[in-house]
Amino acid sequence: MKKVTILLLTFALFLCAACSQIMSKTAEVVTVIEIREESILVENKNKEQKEIPIPKIVSGLIEKDRDYFIEYEHLNGQGKKLVSIQPIKSFDYEE
């Protein structure tokens, strides 16, 4: 009985570790470089460019050359999925 319990616990830990590798989230500030019907091309502050799939209905609401805070999931074998996108307000100071 003790061996079965240890085996089940080992399997459960392995399964949890595997699931955490399958999906992870990234959140970052990006600038939208290009807007396509089903995706956006963004550039983060390290000058890394990524293509992020988006719902078609969202593409008309996003502005090119504007900064956004985005969250997306990495789905192993399925690419990326946008979770949220929020514009970052820019402040123009007059001197």
Protein backbone atom coordinates (compact mmCIF):
# COMPACT_ATOMS: atom_id res chain seq x y z
CA MET A 1 0.00 0.00 0.00
CA LYS A 2 2.84 2.36 0.84
CA LYS A 3 4.44 1.79 -2.59
CA VAL A 4 1.17 2.60 -4.36
CA THR A 5 0.82 5.86 -2.41
CA ILE A 6 4.39 6.88 -3.21
CA LEU A 7 3.87 5.99 -6.87
CA LEU A 8 0.64 8.05 -7.03
CA LEU A 9 2.30 11.05 -5.35
CA THR A 10 5.24 10.83 -7.73
CA PHE A 11 2.89 10.69 -10.70
CA ALA A 12 0.86 13.65 -9.39
CA LEU A 13 4.01 15.76 -8.96
CA PHE A 14 5.19 14.84 -12.44
CA LEU A 15 1.80 15.73 -13.89
CA CYS A 16 1.80 19.12 -12.13
CA ALA A 17 5.31 19.88 -13.37
CA ALA A 18 4.35 18.92 -16.93
CA CYS A 19 1.22 21.11 -16.85
CA SER A 20 3.17 24.12 -15.64
CA GLN A 21 5.52 23.71 -18.61
CA ILE A 22 2.64 23.50 -21.07
CA MET A 23 1.27 26.95 -20.30
CA SER A 24 2.95 30.04 -18.95
CA LYS A 25 2.08 33.75 -19.00
CA THR A 26 4.12 36.76 -20.02
CA ALA A 27 3.30 40.39 -19.24
CA GLU A 28 5.23 43.28 -20.75
CA VAL A 29 5.10 46.81 -22.10
CA VAL A 30 5.27 46.83 -25.89
CA THR A 31 4.91 49.16 -28.85
CA VAL A 32 2.61 48.01 -31.65
CA ILE A 33 4.62 47.96 -34.88
CA GLU A 34 2.02 46.47 -37.22
CA ILE A 35 -1.68 45.61 -36.99
CA ARG A 36 -3.02 42.69 -38.96
CA GLU A 37 -6.54 41.27 -39.06
CA GLU A 38 -5.77 38.38 -36.69
CA SER A 39 -2.48 39.41 -35.05
CA ILE A 40 -0.28 42.30 -34.00
CA LEU A 41 3.46 42.66 -34.36
CA VAL A 42 4.88 44.18 -31.19
CA GLU A 43 8.30 45.28 -30.00
CA ASN A 44 9.27 45.24 -26.34
CA LYS A 45 11.76 47.57 -24.65
CA ASN A 46 14.61 45.13 -25.46
CA LYS A 47 13.82 45.60 -29.18
CA GLU A 48 12.53 42.01 -29.45
CA GLN A 49 9.68 41.67 -31.93
CA LYS A 50 6.87 39.14 -31.49
CA GLU A 51 3.68 38.35 -33.33
CA ILE A 52 0.71 37.93 -30.99
CA PRO A 53 -2.60 36.51 -32.26
CA ILE A 54 -5.62 38.67 -31.40
CA PRO A 55 -9.39 38.34 -31.86
CA LYS A 56 -10.55 39.98 -35.11
CA ILE A 57 -12.86 42.35 -33.23
CA VAL A 58 -9.89 43.83 -31.33
CA SER A 59 -7.78 44.74 -34.37
CA GLY A 60 -9.80 47.91 -35.07
CA LEU A 61 -9.30 49.18 -31.53
CA ILE A 62 -5.49 48.98 -31.45
CA GLU A 63 -3.34 51.87 -32.67
CA LYS A 64 -0.02 51.55 -34.44
CA ASP A 65 3.06 53.13 -32.76
CA ARG A 66 1.31 53.24 -29.38
CA ASP A 67 2.49 51.63 -26.15
CA TYR A 68 0.41 48.91 -24.49
CA PHE A 69 0.68 46.66 -21.48
CA ILE A 70 -0.09 43.16 -22.71
CA GLU A 71 -0.46 39.76 -21.13
CA TYR A 72 -0.33 36.60 -23.19
CA GLU A 73 -0.11 32.87 -22.60
CA HIS A 74 2.45 30.57 -24.16
CA LEU A 75 0.68 27.39 -25.17
CA ASN A 76 3.17 24.69 -26.11
CA GLY A 77 2.39 23.43 -29.57
CA GLN A 78 -0.25 26.11 -30.12
CA GLY A 79 1.69 29.37 -30.02
CA LYS A 80 0.56 32.42 -28.05
CA LYS A 81 -2.85 33.66 -26.90
CA LEU A 82 -3.60 37.26 -25.89
CA VAL A 83 -5.10 37.47 -22.40
CA SER A 84 -5.32 41.27 -21.99
CA ILE A 85 -4.19 44.49 -23.61
CA GLN A 86 -4.32 47.97 -22.06
CA PRO A 87 -3.10 51.24 -23.57
CA ILE A 88 -0.47 53.14 -21.64
CA LYS A 89 -1.23 56.82 -21.30
CA SER A 90 1.53 59.09 -22.47
CA PHE A 91 2.06 62.40 -20.72
CA ASP A 92 3.25 65.43 -22.64
CA TYR A 93 4.80 67.97 -20.35
CA GLU A 94 5.08 71.58 -21.41
CA GLU A 95 8.19 73.38 -20.29
